[in-house]
Structure formats: C-alpha cells, structure tokens
C-alpha cells in the first residue's frame, strides 16, 4: 500500500509515527528534509531528493517506532515536495500523531524541532 504526502514550504508535516518498518521515497518536487526521532531518543535528519551533490538520498528505511516530520527545502523551485510511503501489508497501517507536550516529555533532546513541528496539545 502506498500513501502520498504532499507539502510546500509553508505546510510542513507534523511529527507522526508508523507502527512497522516502512520505506519512504522521494517522488518529485523540491528536496525534503526528513526529521527523525528514534525510539531511543536519537534525533537525525535525512535530505530526501535527487541531487547527490547535496548529499540527498532517493529513499531510505525508517525504523519502527521512529517519529518523522517532513518539510520542503524549496530549492528546486517546484514549490512542493511529494513523498510516498510504502507500507508493508501487515498491521492496520495507522499513523500515530502525538501532541507536543507528550513528545517533549518523552524525547527532550530535539526540543527546538519538536516545538516547531509537533501538534499543539
């Protein structure tokens, strides 16, 4: 099953988590910065795109239980980024969206990113 997330520079995605291992692939448009917080609290970023000279990757796997948020880098003048999630055919494929307070309590290290990209609550 594939789900598409389309965003532009003004509409970043909120942090959300998938239940099982999933692959995430860049489809088209601007390069996208993927913010990832692993279950152990480690924060890292991945540039998803097509320009290897900018250290972009076309696709990568996200470990189960990792929170992710996407934002368009807007550097190819497309004005948007389209991301496709390839869901495995197990589970109910729910996306879990914690509120900002829950994330800050559980994962305080990347506070500035959580403040900017998590849902108020």
PDB file of N, CA and C in Angstrom:
ATOM      1  N   UNK A   1       0.846  -1.173   0.000  1.00  0.00           N
ATOM      2  CA  UNK A   1       0.000   0.000   0.000  1.00  0.00           C
ATOM      3  C   UNK A   1       0.892   1.237   0.000  1.00  0.00           C
ATOM      4  N   UNK A   2       0.534   2.237  -0.767  1.00  0.00           N
ATOM      5  CA  UNK A   2       1.316   3.459  -0.863  1.00  0.00           C
ATOM      6  C   UNK A   2       0.447   4.639  -0.457  1.00  0.00           C
ATOM      7  N   UNK A   3       1.004   5.547   0.345  1.00  0.00           N
ATOM      8  CA  UNK A   3       0.311   6.769   0.714  1.00  0.00           C
ATOM      9  C   UNK A   3       1.199   7.939   0.330  1.00  0.00           C
ATOM     10  N   UNK A   4       0.618   8.992  -0.221  1.00  0.00           N
ATOM     11  CA  UNK A   4       1.385  10.153  -0.636  1.00  0.00           C
ATOM     12  C   UNK A   4       1.168  11.320   0.313  1.00  0.00           C
ATOM     13  N   UNK A   5       2.246  12.013   0.632  1.00  0.00           N
ATOM     14  CA  UNK A   5       2.190  13.211   1.447  1.00  0.00           C
ATOM     15  C   UNK A   5       2.744  14.333   0.586  1.00  0.00           C
ATOM     16  N   UNK A   6       1.961  15.365   0.331  1.00  0.00           N
ATOM     17  CA  UNK A   6       2.418  16.498  -0.453  1.00  0.00           C
ATOM     18  C   UNK A   6       2.493  17.710   0.461  1.00  0.00           C
ATOM     19  N   UNK A   7       3.606  18.428   0.409  1.00  0.00           N
ATOM     20  CA  UNK A   7       3.760  19.596   1.261  1.00  0.00           C
ATOM     21  C   UNK A   7       4.507  20.686   0.522  1.00  0.00           C
ATOM     22  N   UNK A   8       4.377  21.910   1.020  1.00  0.00           N
ATOM     23  CA  UNK A   8       5.176  23.006   0.492  1.00  0.00           C
ATOM     24  C   UNK A   8       5.885  23.679   1.664  1.00  0.00           C
ATOM     25  N   UNK A   9       6.647  24.730   1.389  1.00  0.00           N
ATOM     26  CA  UNK A   9       7.454  25.346   2.444  1.00  0.00           C
ATOM     27  C   UNK A   9       6.602  25.898   3.578  1.00  0.00           C
ATOM     28  N   UNK A  10       5.369  26.279   3.300  1.00  0.00           N
ATOM     29  CA  UNK A  10       4.504  26.847   4.338  1.00  0.00           C
ATOM     30  C   UNK A  10       3.742  25.782   5.112  1.00  0.00           C
ATOM     31  N   UNK A  11       3.702  24.541   4.616  1.00  0.00           N
ATOM     32  CA  UNK A  11       2.892  23.492   5.233  1.00  0.00           C
ATOM     33  C   UNK A  11       3.732  22.246   5.484  1.00  0.00           C
ATOM     34  N   UNK A  12       4.525  22.300   6.529  1.00  0.00           N
ATOM     35  CA  UNK A  12       5.352  21.138   6.871  1.00  0.00           C
ATOM     36  C   UNK A  12       4.456  20.059   7.474  1.00  0.00           C
ATOM     37  N   UNK A  13       4.931  18.817   7.466  1.00  0.00           N
ATOM     38  CA  UNK A  13       4.162  17.755   8.103  1.00  0.00           C
ATOM     39  C   UNK A  13       4.462  17.750   9.596  1.00  0.00           C
ATOM     40  N   UNK A  14       3.482  17.355  10.391  1.00  0.00           N
ATOM     41  CA  UNK A  14       3.690  17.203  11.829  1.00  0.00           C
ATOM     42  C   UNK A  14       4.417  15.897  12.100  1.00  0.00           C
ATOM     43  N   UNK A  15       5.006  15.796  13.288  1.00  0.00           N
ATOM     44  CA  UNK A  15       5.613  14.524  13.673  1.00  0.00           C
ATOM     45  C   UNK A  15       4.542  13.448  13.719  1.00  0.00           C
ATOM     46  N   UNK A  16       4.851  12.298  13.192  1.00  0.00           N
ATOM     47  CA  UNK A  16       3.964  11.148  13.267  1.00  0.00           C
ATOM     48  C   UNK A  16       4.825   9.895  13.303  1.00  0.00           C
ATOM     49  N   UNK A  17       4.225   8.797  13.699  1.00  0.00           N
ATOM     50  CA  UNK A  17       4.963   7.542  13.840  1.00  0.00           C
ATOM     51  C   UNK A  17       4.214   6.441  13.109  1.00  0.00           C
ATOM     52  N   UNK A  18       4.958   5.541  12.512  1.00  0.00           N
ATOM     53  CA  UNK A  18       4.366   4.362  11.901  1.00  0.00           C
ATOM     54  C   UNK A  18       4.672   3.160  12.781  1.00  0.00           C
ATOM     55  N   UNK A  19       3.814   2.158  12.743  1.00  0.00           N
ATOM     56  CA  UNK A  19       3.933   1.030  13.661  1.00  0.00           C
ATOM     57  C   UNK A  19       4.969   0.003  13.258  1.00  0.00           C
ATOM     58  N   UNK A  20       5.256  -0.117  11.972  1.00  0.00           N
ATOM     59  CA  UNK A  20       6.151  -1.161  11.482  1.00  0.00           C
ATOM     60  C   UNK A  20       7.214  -0.531  10.592  1.00  0.00           C
ATOM     61  N   UNK A  21       8.253  -1.293  10.248  1.00  0.00           N
ATOM     62  CA  UNK A  21       9.279  -0.766   9.339  1.00  0.00           C
ATOM     63  C   UNK A  21       8.628  -0.356   8.021  1.00  0.00           C
ATOM     64  N   UNK A  22       9.022   0.798   7.530  1.00  0.00           N
ATOM     65  CA  UNK A  22       8.465   1.322   6.275  1.00  0.00           C
ATOM     66  C   UNK A  22       9.592   1.933   5.457  1.00  0.00           C
ATOM     67  N   UNK A  23       9.430   1.960   4.181  1.00  0.00           N
ATOM     68  CA  UNK A  23      10.367   2.717   3.362  1.00  0.00           C
ATOM     69  C   UNK A  23       9.701   4.036   2.997  1.00  0.00           C
ATOM     70  N   UNK A  24      10.497   5.062   2.869  1.00  0.00           N
ATOM     71  CA  UNK A  24       9.995   6.367   2.462  1.00  0.00           C
ATOM     72  C   UNK A  24      10.802   6.780   1.255  1.00  0.00           C
ATOM     73  N   UNK A  25      10.140   7.204   0.181  1.00  0.00           N
ATOM     74  CA  UNK A  25      10.858   7.559  -1.034  1.00  0.00           C
ATOM     75  C   UNK A  25      10.446   8.934  -1.519  1.00  0.00           C
ATOM     76  N   UNK A  26      11.422   9.666  -2.016  1.00  0.00           N
ATOM     77  CA  UNK A  26      11.151  10.940  -2.671  1.00  0.00           C
ATOM     78  C   UNK A  26      10.479  10.655  -4.007  1.00  0.00           C
ATOM     79  N   UNK A  27       9.450  11.385  -4.321  1.00  0.00           N
ATOM     80  CA  UNK A  27       8.782  11.170  -5.597  1.00  0.00           C
ATOM     81  C   UNK A  27       9.104  12.254  -6.610  1.00  0.00           C
ATOM     82  N   UNK A  28       8.797  13.520  -6.280  1.00  0.00           N
ATOM     83  CA  UNK A  28       9.088  14.612  -7.197  1.00  0.00           C
ATOM     84  C   UNK A  28       8.977  15.925  -6.456  1.00  0.00           C
ATOM     85  N   UNK A  29       9.367  17.000  -7.114  1.00  0.00           N
ATOM     86  CA  UNK A  29       9.287  18.327  -6.498  1.00  0.00           C
ATOM     87  C   UNK A  29      10.573  18.700  -5.791  1.00  0.00           C
ATOM     88  N   UNK A  30      10.453  19.584  -4.798  1.00  0.00           N
ATOM     89  CA  UNK A  30      11.609  20.052  -4.047  1.00  0.00           C
ATOM     90  C   UNK A  30      12.192  18.945  -3.189  1.00  0.00           C
ATOM     91  N   UNK A  31      13.468  19.108  -2.869  1.00  0.00           N
ATOM     92  CA  UNK A  31      14.083  18.209  -1.896  1.00  0.00           C
ATOM     93  C   UNK A  31      13.371  18.396  -0.564  1.00  0.00           C
ATOM     94  N   UNK A  32      13.420  17.372   0.260  1.00  0.00           N
ATOM     95  CA  UNK A  32      12.696  17.374   1.529  1.00  0.00           C
ATOM     96  C   UNK A  32      13.646  17.023   2.650  1.00  0.00           C
ATOM     97  N   UNK A  33      13.527  17.756   3.747  1.00  0.00           N
ATOM     98  CA  UNK A  33      14.287  17.452   4.941  1.00  0.00           C
ATOM     99  C   UNK A  33      13.407  16.584   5.831  1.00  0.00           C
ATOM    100  N   UNK A  34      13.891  15.389   6.150  1.00  0.00           N
ATOM    101  CA  UNK A  34      13.147  14.471   6.999  1.00  0.00           C
ATOM    102  C   UNK A  34      13.752  14.522   8.395  1.00  0.00           C
ATOM    103  N   UNK A  35      12.940  14.920   9.380  1.00  0.00           N
ATOM    104  CA  UNK A  35      13.368  14.954  10.777  1.00  0.00           C
ATOM    105  C   UNK A  35      12.954  13.629  11.403  1.00  0.00           C
ATOM    106  N   UNK A  36      13.884  12.924  12.023  1.00  0.00           N
ATOM    107  CA  UNK A  36      13.609  11.601  12.585  1.00  0.00           C
ATOM    108  C   UNK A  36      14.025  11.563  14.057  1.00  0.00           C
ATOM    109  N   UNK A  37      13.148  10.997  14.889  1.00  0.00           N
ATOM    110  CA  UNK A  37      13.480  10.753  16.292  1.00  0.00           C
ATOM    111  C   UNK A  37      13.248   9.274  16.555  1.00  0.00           C
ATOM    112  N   UNK A  38      14.348   8.545  16.766  1.00  0.00           N
ATOM    113  CA  UNK A  38      14.259   7.101  17.006  1.00  0.00           C
ATOM    114  C   UNK A  38      13.663   6.814  18.377  1.00  0.00           C
ATOM    115  N   UNK A  39      13.223   5.576  18.600  1.00  0.00           N
ATOM    116  CA  UNK A  39      12.642   5.213  19.904  1.00  0.00           C
ATOM    117  C   UNK A  39      13.588   5.443  21.085  1.00  0.00           C
ATOM    118  N   UNK A  40      14.909   5.395  20.837  1.00  0.00           N
ATOM    119  CA  UNK A  40      15.866   5.628  21.929  1.00  0.00           C
ATOM    120  C   UNK A  40      16.122   7.115  22.170  1.00  0.00           C
ATOM    121  N   UNK A  41      15.413   7.998  21.428  1.00  0.00           N
ATOM    122  CA  UNK A  41      15.551   9.436  21.604  1.00  0.00           C
ATOM    123  C   UNK A  41      16.558  10.094  20.685  1.00  0.00           C
ATOM    124  N   UNK A  42      17.315   9.316  19.894  1.00  0.00           N
ATOM    125  CA  UNK A  42      18.311   9.879  18.980  1.00  0.00           C
ATOM    126  C   UNK A  42      17.610  10.632  17.844  1.00  0.00           C
ATOM    127  N   UNK A  43      18.024  11.888  17.632  1.00  0.00           N
ATOM    128  CA  UNK A  43      17.473  12.717  16.560  1.00  0.00           C
ATOM    129  C   UNK A  43      18.466  12.764  15.399  1.00  0.00           C
ATOM    130  N   UNK A  44      17.952  12.639  14.176  1.00  0.00           N
ATOM    131  CA  UNK A  44      18.798  12.809  12.996  1.00  0.00           C
ATOM    132  C   UNK A  44      17.951  13.331  11.842  1.00  0.00           C
ATOM    133  N   UNK A  45      18.637  13.855  10.818  1.00  0.00           N
ATOM    134  CA  UNK A  45      17.970  14.385   9.634  1.00  0.00           C
ATOM    135  C   UNK A  45      18.454  13.640   8.399  1.00  0.00           C
ATOM    136  N   UNK A  46      17.570  13.540   7.413  1.00  0.00           N
ATOM    137  CA  UNK A  46      17.928  12.959   6.121  1.00  0.00           C
ATOM    138  C   UNK A  46      17.411  13.905   5.046  1.00  0.00           C
ATOM    139  N   UNK A  47      18.264  14.227   4.072  1.00  0.00           N
ATOM    140  CA  UNK A  47      17.829  15.018   2.911  1.00  0.00           C
ATOM    141  C   UNK A  47      17.340  14.040   1.849  1.00  0.00           C
ATOM    142  N   UNK A  48      16.062  14.107   1.564  1.00  0.00           N
ATOM    143  CA  UNK A  48      15.447  13.221   0.593  1.00  0.00           C
ATOM    144  C   UNK A  48      15.306  13.981  -0.716  1.00  0.00           C
ATOM    145  N   UNK A  49      15.918  13.486  -1.773  1.00  0.00           N
ATOM    146  CA  UNK A  49      15.855  14.182  -3.050  1.00  0.00           C
ATOM    147  C   UNK A  49      16.670  13.467  -4.105  1.00  0.00           C
ATOM    148  N   UNK A  50      16.971  14.178  -5.171  1.00  0.00           N
ATOM    149  CA  UNK A  50      17.639  13.563  -6.313  1.00  0.00           C
ATOM    150  C   UNK A  50      19.049  14.081  -6.560  1.00  0.00           C
ATOM    151  N   UNK A  51      19.491  15.104  -5.816  1.00  0.00           N
ATOM    152  CA  UNK A  51      20.781  15.734  -6.070  1.00  0.00           C
ATOM    153  C   UNK A  51      21.851  15.181  -5.125  1.00  0.00           C
ATOM    154  N   UNK A  52      22.607  14.213  -5.607  1.00  0.00           N
ATOM    155  CA  UNK A  52      23.635  13.585  -4.764  1.00  0.00           C
ATOM    156  C   UNK A  52      24.743  14.556  -4.384  1.00  0.00           C
ATOM    157  N   UNK A  53      24.937  15.627  -5.163  1.00  0.00           N
ATOM    158  CA  UNK A  53      25.967  16.618  -4.817  1.00  0.00           C
ATOM    159  C   UNK A  53      25.594  17.386  -3.546  1.00  0.00           C
ATOM    160  N   UNK A  54      24.315  17.325  -3.159  1.00  0.00           N
ATOM    161  CA  UNK A  54      23.848  17.968  -1.922  1.00  0.00           C
ATOM    162  C   UNK A  54      23.613  16.929  -0.830  1.00  0.00           C
ATOM    163  N   UNK A  55      24.209  15.744  -0.982  1.00  0.00           N
ATOM    164  CA  UNK A  55      24.055  14.631  -0.030  1.00  0.00           C
ATOM    165  C   UNK A  55      22.600  14.198   0.135  1.00  0.00           C
ATOM    166  N   UNK A  56      21.837  14.252  -0.951  1.00  0.00           N
ATOM    167  CA  UNK A  56      20.451  13.789  -0.916  1.00  0.00           C
ATOM    168  C   UNK A  56      20.401  12.311  -1.269  1.00  0.00           C
ATOM    169  N   UNK A  57      19.453  11.618  -0.676  1.00  0.00           N
ATOM    170  CA  UNK A  57      19.219  10.211  -1.000  1.00  0.00           C
ATOM    171  C   UNK A  57      17.836  10.095  -1.602  1.00  0.00           C
ATOM    172  N   UNK A  58      17.667   9.108  -2.468  1.00  0.00           N
ATOM    173  CA  UNK A  58      16.373   8.923  -3.131  1.00  0.00           C
ATOM    174  C   UNK A  58      15.372   8.228  -2.216  1.00  0.00           C
ATOM    175  N   UNK A  59      15.846   7.367  -1.319  1.00  0.00           N
ATOM    176  CA  UNK A  59      14.949   6.655  -0.418  1.00  0.00           C
ATOM    177  C   UNK A  59      15.723   6.056   0.736  1.00  0.00           C
ATOM    178  N   UNK A  60      15.034   5.770   1.824  1.00  0.00           N
ATOM    179  CA  UNK A  60      15.671   5.134   2.968  1.00  0.00           C
ATOM    180  C   UNK A  60      14.608   4.481   3.832  1.00  0.00           C
ATOM    181  N   UNK A  61      15.037   3.602   4.732  1.00  0.00           N
ATOM    182  CA  UNK A  61      14.110   2.924   5.622  1.00  0.00           C
ATOM    183  C   UNK A  61      14.044   3.629   6.965  1.00  0.00           C
ATOM    184  N   UNK A  62      12.863   3.665   7.533  1.00  0.00           N
ATOM    185  CA  UNK A  62      12.663   4.229   8.860  1.00  0.00           C
ATOM    186  C   UNK A  62      12.357   3.085   9.811  1.00  0.00           C
ATOM    187  N   UNK A  63      13.101   3.032  10.893  1.00  0.00           N
ATOM    188  CA  UNK A  63      12.934   2.003  11.918  1.00  0.00           C
ATOM    189  C   UNK A  63      11.559   2.136  12.581  1.00  0.00           C
ATOM    190  N   UNK A  64      10.936   1.004  12.899  1.00  0.00           N
ATOM    191  CA  UNK A  64       9.635   1.023  13.563  1.00  0.00           C
ATOM    192  C   UNK A  64       9.728   1.822  14.854  1.00  0.00           C
ATOM    193  N   UNK A  65       8.684   2.615  15.137  1.00  0.00           N
ATOM    194  CA  UNK A  65       8.654   3.411  16.357  1.00  0.00           C
ATOM    195  C   UNK A  65       9.334   4.758  16.234  1.00  0.00           C
ATOM    196  N   UNK A  66       9.850   5.084  15.052  1.00  0.00           N
ATOM    197  CA  UNK A  66      10.513   6.370  14.838  1.00  0.00           C
ATOM    198  C   UNK A  66       9.473   7.431  14.482  1.00  0.00           C
ATOM    199  N   UNK A  67       9.590   8.603  15.115  1.00  0.00           N
ATOM    200  CA  UNK A  67       8.740   9.730  14.757  1.00  0.00           C
ATOM    201  C   UNK A  67       9.397  10.479  13.612  1.00  0.00           C
ATOM    202  N   UNK A  68       8.609  10.880  12.604  1.00  0.00           N
ATOM    203  CA  UNK A  68       9.139  11.607  11.455  1.00  0.00           C
ATOM    204  C   UNK A  68       8.267  12.821  11.157  1.00  0.00           C
ATOM    205  N   UNK A  69       8.900  13.864  10.618  1.00  0.00           N
ATOM    206  CA  UNK A  69       8.198  15.034  10.102  1.00  0.00           C
ATOM    207  C   UNK A  69       8.953  15.481   8.859  1.00  0.00           C
ATOM    208  N   UNK A  70       8.241  15.979   7.868  1.00  0.00           N
ATOM    209  CA  UNK A  70       8.832  16.369   6.595  1.00  0.00           C
ATOM    210  C   UNK A  70       8.654  17.858   6.361  1.00  0.00           C
ATOM    211  N   UNK A  71       9.664  18.483   5.767  1.00  0.00           N
ATOM    212  CA  UNK A  71       9.486  19.857   5.298  1.00  0.00           C
ATOM    213  C   UNK A  71      10.219  20.042   3.984  1.00  0.00           C
ATOM    214  N   UNK A  72       9.573  20.745   3.074  1.00  0.00           N
ATOM    215  CA  UNK A  72      10.162  21.010   1.770  1.00  0.00           C
ATOM    216  C   UNK A  72      11.313  21.993   1.933  1.00  0.00           C
ATOM    217  N   UNK A  73      12.416  21.728   1.236  1.00  0.00           N
ATOM    218  CA  UNK A  73      13.551  22.651   1.269  1.00  0.00           C
ATOM    219  C   UNK A  73      13.403  23.754   0.223  1.00  0.00           C
ATOM    220  N   UNK A  74      12.485  23.557  -0.716  1.00  0.00           N
ATOM    221  CA  UNK A  74      12.165  24.607  -1.673  1.00  0.00           C
ATOM    222  C   UNK A  74      13.319  25.048  -2.546  1.00  0.00           C
ATOM    223  N   UNK A  75      14.273  24.166  -2.803  1.00  0.00           N
ATOM    224  CA  UNK A  75      15.453  24.605  -3.541  1.00  0.00           C
ATOM    225  C   UNK A  75      15.458  24.210  -5.016  1.00  0.00           C
ATOM    226  N   UNK A  76      14.363  23.642  -5.506  1.00  0.00           N
ATOM    227  CA  UNK A  76      14.323  23.333  -6.936  1.00  0.00           C
ATOM    228  C   UNK A  76      13.231  24.117  -7.647  1.00  0.00           C
ATOM    229  N   UNK A  77      12.631  25.050  -6.917  1.00  0.00           N
ATOM    230  CA  UNK A  77      11.590  25.940  -7.461  1.00  0.00           C
ATOM    231  C   UNK A  77      10.329  25.223  -7.908  1.00  0.00           C
ATOM    232  N   UNK A  78      10.137  23.992  -7.451  1.00  0.00           N
ATOM    233  CA  UNK A  78       8.888  23.306  -7.762  1.00  0.00           C
ATOM    234  C   UNK A  78       7.764  23.819  -6.858  1.00  0.00           C
ATOM    235  N   UNK A  79       8.125  24.261  -5.651  1.00  0.00           N
ATOM    236  CA  UNK A  79       7.121  24.798  -4.738  1.00  0.00           C
ATOM    237  C   UNK A  79       6.466  23.762  -3.854  1.00  0.00           C
ATOM    238  N   UNK A  80       6.800  22.498  -4.047  1.00  0.00           N
ATOM    239  CA  UNK A  80       6.205  21.439  -3.242  1.00  0.00           C
ATOM    240  C   UNK A  80       7.118  20.221  -3.265  1.00  0.00           C
ATOM    241  N   UNK A  81       6.858  19.290  -2.376  1.00  0.00           N
ATOM    242  CA  UNK A  81       7.537  18.001  -2.389  1.00  0.00           C
ATOM    243  C   UNK A  81       6.470  16.927  -2.247  1.00  0.00           C
ATOM    244  N   UNK A  82       6.619  15.851  -2.962  1.00  0.00           N
ATOM    245  CA  UNK A  82       5.668  14.741  -2.856  1.00  0.00           C
ATOM    246  C   UNK A  82       6.426  13.520  -2.376  1.00  0.00           C
ATOM    247  N   UNK A  83       6.008  12.976  -1.244  1.00  0.00           N
ATOM    248  CA  UNK A  83       6.674  11.841  -0.615  1.00  0.00           C
ATOM    249  C   UNK A  83       5.747  10.644  -0.685  1.00  0.00           C
ATOM    250  N   UNK A  84       6.281   9.476  -0.999  1.00  0.00           N
ATOM    251  CA  UNK A  84       5.453   8.264  -0.964  1.00  0.00           C
ATOM    252  C   UNK A  84       5.958   7.327   0.116  1.00  0.00           C
ATOM    253  N   UNK A  85       5.045   6.872   0.938  1.00  0.00           N
ATOM    254  CA  UNK A  85       5.338   5.855   1.943  1.00  0.00           C
ATOM    255  C   UNK A  85       4.955   4.513   1.345  1.00  0.00           C
ATOM    256  N   UNK A  86       5.824   3.538   1.409  1.00  0.00           N
ATOM    257  CA  UNK A  86       5.466   2.179   1.016  1.00  0.00           C
ATOM    258  C   UNK A  86       5.174   1.391   2.279  1.00  0.00           C
ATOM    259  N   UNK A  87       3.911   1.171   2.561  1.00  0.00           N
ATOM    260  CA  UNK A  87       3.504   0.436   3.747  1.00  0.00           C
ATOM    261  C   UNK A  87       3.613  -1.059   3.509  1.00  0.00           C
ATOM    262  N   UNK A  88       4.064  -1.768   4.519  1.00  0.00           N
ATOM    263  CA  UNK A  88       4.049  -3.228   4.446  1.00  0.00           C
ATOM    264  C   UNK A  88       2.602  -3.688   4.643  1.00  0.00           C
ATOM    265  N   UNK A  89       2.290  -4.847   4.163  1.00  0.00           N
ATOM    266  CA  UNK A  89       0.913  -5.343   4.212  1.00  0.00           C
ATOM    267  C   UNK A  89       0.614  -6.052   5.530  1.00  0.00           C
ATOM    268  N   UNK A  90       1.089  -5.502   6.642  1.00  0.00           N
ATOM    269  CA  UNK A  90       0.763  -6.058   7.954  1.00  0.00           C
ATOM    270  C   UNK A  90       0.273  -4.936   8.851  1.00  0.00           C
ATOM    271  N   UNK A  91      -0.479  -5.281   9.872  1.00  0.00           N
ATOM    272  CA  UNK A  91      -0.991  -4.270  10.783  1.00  0.00           C
ATOM    273  C   UNK A  91      -2.089  -3.458  10.128  1.00  0.00           C
ATOM    274  N   UNK A  92      -2.518  -2.397  10.835  1.00  0.00           N
ATOM    275  CA  UNK A  92      -3.598  -1.572  10.299  1.00  0.00           C
ATOM    276  C   UNK A  92      -3.092  -0.303   9.624  1.00  0.00           C
ATOM    277  N   UNK A  93      -1.766  -0.144   9.555  1.00  0.00           N
ATOM    278  CA  UNK A  93      -1.140   0.991   8.876  1.00  0.00           C
ATOM    279  C   UNK A  93      -1.553   2.341   9.445  1.00  0.00           C
ATOM    280  N   UNK A  94      -1.836   2.381  10.753  1.00  0.00           N
ATOM    281  CA  UNK A  94      -2.206   3.629  11.405  1.00  0.00           C
ATOM    282  C   UNK A  94      -1.004   4.556  11.515  1.00  0.00           C
ATOM    283  N   UNK A  95      -1.259   5.850  11.390  1.00  0.00           N
ATOM    284  CA  UNK A  95      -0.257   6.863  11.677  1.00  0.00           C
ATOM    285  C   UNK A  95      -0.605   7.450  13.039  1.00  0.00           C
ATOM    286  N   UNK A  96       0.331   7.416  13.964  1.00  0.00           N
ATOM    287  CA  UNK A  96       0.089   7.938  15.301  1.00  0.00           C
ATOM    288  C   UNK A  96       0.693   9.327  15.408  1.00  0.00           C
ATOM    289  N   UNK A  97      -0.103  10.293  15.874  1.00  0.00           N
ATOM    290  CA  UNK A  97       0.354  11.671  15.959  1.00  0.00           C
ATOM    291  C   UNK A  97       0.276  12.152  17.400  1.00  0.00           C
ATOM    292  N   UNK A  98       1.400  12.139  18.106  1.00  0.00           N
ATOM    293  CA  UNK A  98       1.393  12.592  19.495  1.00  0.00           C
ATOM    294  C   UNK A  98       1.333  14.117  19.547  1.00  0.00           C
ATOM    295  N   UNK A  99       0.881  14.651  20.676  1.00  0.00           N
ATOM    296  CA  UNK A  99       0.910  16.106  20.785  1.00  0.00           C
ATOM    297  C   UNK A  99       2.277  16.567  21.269  1.00  0.00           C
ATOM    298  N   UNK A 100       2.492  17.861  21.196  1.00  0.00           N
ATOM    299  CA  UNK A 100       3.792  18.448  21.504  1.00  0.00           C
ATOM    300  C   UNK A 100       4.236  18.137  22.926  1.00  0.00           C
ATOM    301  N   UNK A 101       3.338  18.259  23.891  1.00  0.00           N
ATOM    302  CA  UNK A 101       3.700  18.006  25.291  1.00  0.00           C
ATOM    303  C   UNK A 101       4.155  16.570  25.518  1.00  0.00           C
ATOM    304  N   UNK A 102       3.481  15.622  24.893  1.00  0.00           N
ATOM    305  CA  UNK A 102       3.874  14.216  25.018  1.00  0.00           C
ATOM    306  C   UNK A 102       5.274  13.988  24.455  1.00  0.00           C
ATOM    307  N   UNK A 103       5.552  14.559  23.293  1.00  0.00           N
ATOM    308  CA  UNK A 103       6.875  14.386  22.686  1.00  0.00           C
ATOM    309  C   UNK A 103       7.961  15.037  23.528  1.00  0.00           C
ATOM    310  N   UNK A 104       7.706  16.234  24.019  1.00  0.00           N
ATOM    311  CA  UNK A 104       8.720  16.925  24.824  1.00  0.00           C
ATOM    312  C   UNK A 104       9.030  16.173  26.114  1.00  0.00           C
ATOM    313  N   UNK A 105       8.021  15.548  26.710  1.00  0.00           N
ATOM    314  CA  UNK A 105       8.256  14.772  27.929  1.00  0.00           C
ATOM    315  C   UNK A 105       9.042  13.505  27.627  1.00  0.00           C
ATOM    316  N   UNK A 106       8.709  12.840  26.528  1.00  0.00           N
ATOM    317  CA  UNK A 106       9.350  11.570  26.206  1.00  0.00           C
ATOM    318  C   UNK A 106      10.725  11.752  25.570  1.00  0.00           C
ATOM    319  N   UNK A 107      10.895  12.798  24.773  1.00  0.00           N
ATOM    320  CA  UNK A 107      12.108  12.979  23.980  1.00  0.00           C
ATOM    321  C   UNK A 107      12.570  14.439  24.053  1.00  0.00           C
ATOM    322  N   UNK A 108      13.173  14.859  25.158  1.00  0.00           N
ATOM    323  CA  UNK A 108      13.500  16.273  25.332  1.00  0.00           C
ATOM    324  C   UNK A 108      14.680  16.778  24.498  1.00  0.00           C
ATOM    325  N   UNK A 109      15.520  15.912  23.977  1.00  0.00           N
ATOM    326  CA  UNK A 109      16.750  16.362  23.302  1.00  0.00           C
ATOM    327  C   UNK A 109      16.492  17.275  22.100  1.00  0.00           C
ATOM    328  N   UNK A 110      15.650  16.889  21.127  1.00  0.00           N
ATOM    329  CA  UNK A 110      15.455  17.764  19.965  1.00  0.00           C
ATOM    330  C   UNK A 110      14.335  18.784  20.206  1.00  0.00           C
ATOM    331  N   UNK A 111      14.393  19.512  21.315  1.00  0.00           N
ATOM    332  CA  UNK A 111      13.301  20.398  21.742  1.00  0.00           C
ATOM    333  C   UNK A 111      12.902  21.420  20.679  1.00  0.00           C
ATOM    334  N   UNK A 112      13.882  22.087  20.057  1.00  0.00           N
ATOM    335  CA  UNK A 112      13.545  23.141  19.096  1.00  0.00           C
ATOM    336  C   UNK A 112      12.792  22.596  17.884  1.00  0.00           C
ATOM    337  N   UNK A 113      13.147  21.398  17.441  1.00  0.00           N
ATOM    338  CA  UNK A 113      12.461  20.790  16.292  1.00  0.00           C
ATOM    339  C   UNK A 113      11.047  20.374  16.696  1.00  0.00           C
ATOM    340  N   UNK A 114      10.906  19.800  17.886  1.00  0.00           N
ATOM    341  CA  UNK A 114       9.581  19.391  18.367  1.00  0.00           C
ATOM    342  C   UNK A 114       8.683  20.614  18.539  1.00  0.00           C
ATOM    343  N   UNK A 115       9.231  21.691  19.116  1.00  0.00           N
ATOM    344  CA  UNK A 115       8.444  22.924  19.294  1.00  0.00           C
ATOM    345  C   UNK A 115       7.902  23.428  17.956  1.00  0.00           C
ATOM    346  N   UNK A 116       8.687  23.306  16.923  1.00  0.00           N
ATOM    347  CA  UNK A 116       8.300  23.834  15.602  1.00  0.00           C
ATOM    348  C   UNK A 116       7.390  22.912  14.815  1.00  0.00           C
ATOM    349  N   UNK A 117       7.564  21.580  14.964  1.00  0.00           N
ATOM    350  CA  UNK A 117       6.884  20.659  14.057  1.00  0.00           C
ATOM    351  C   UNK A 117       5.846  19.739  14.688  1.00  0.00           C
ATOM    352  N   UNK A 118       5.665  19.793  16.002  1.00  0.00           N
ATOM    353  CA  UNK A 118       4.689  18.897  16.629  1.00  0.00           C
ATOM    354  C   UNK A 118       3.325  19.597  16.750  1.00  0.00           C
ATOM    355  N   UNK A 119       2.302  18.792  16.948  1.00  0.00           N
ATOM    356  CA  UNK A 119       0.940  19.294  17.110  1.00  0.00           C
ATOM    357  C   UNK A 119       0.787  19.877  18.507  1.00  0.00           C
ATOM    358  N   UNK A 120       0.135  21.022  18.615  1.00  0.00           N
ATOM    359  CA  UNK A 120      -0.146  21.613  19.931  1.00  0.00           C
ATOM    360  C   UNK A 120      -1.064  20.694  20.712  1.00  0.00           C
ATOM    361  N   UNK A 121      -0.908  20.712  22.033  1.00  0.00           N
ATOM    362  CA  UNK A 121      -1.825  19.896  22.836  1.00  0.00           C
ATOM    363  C   UNK A 121      -1.489  19.906  24.283  1.00  0.00           C
TER     364      UNK A 121
END
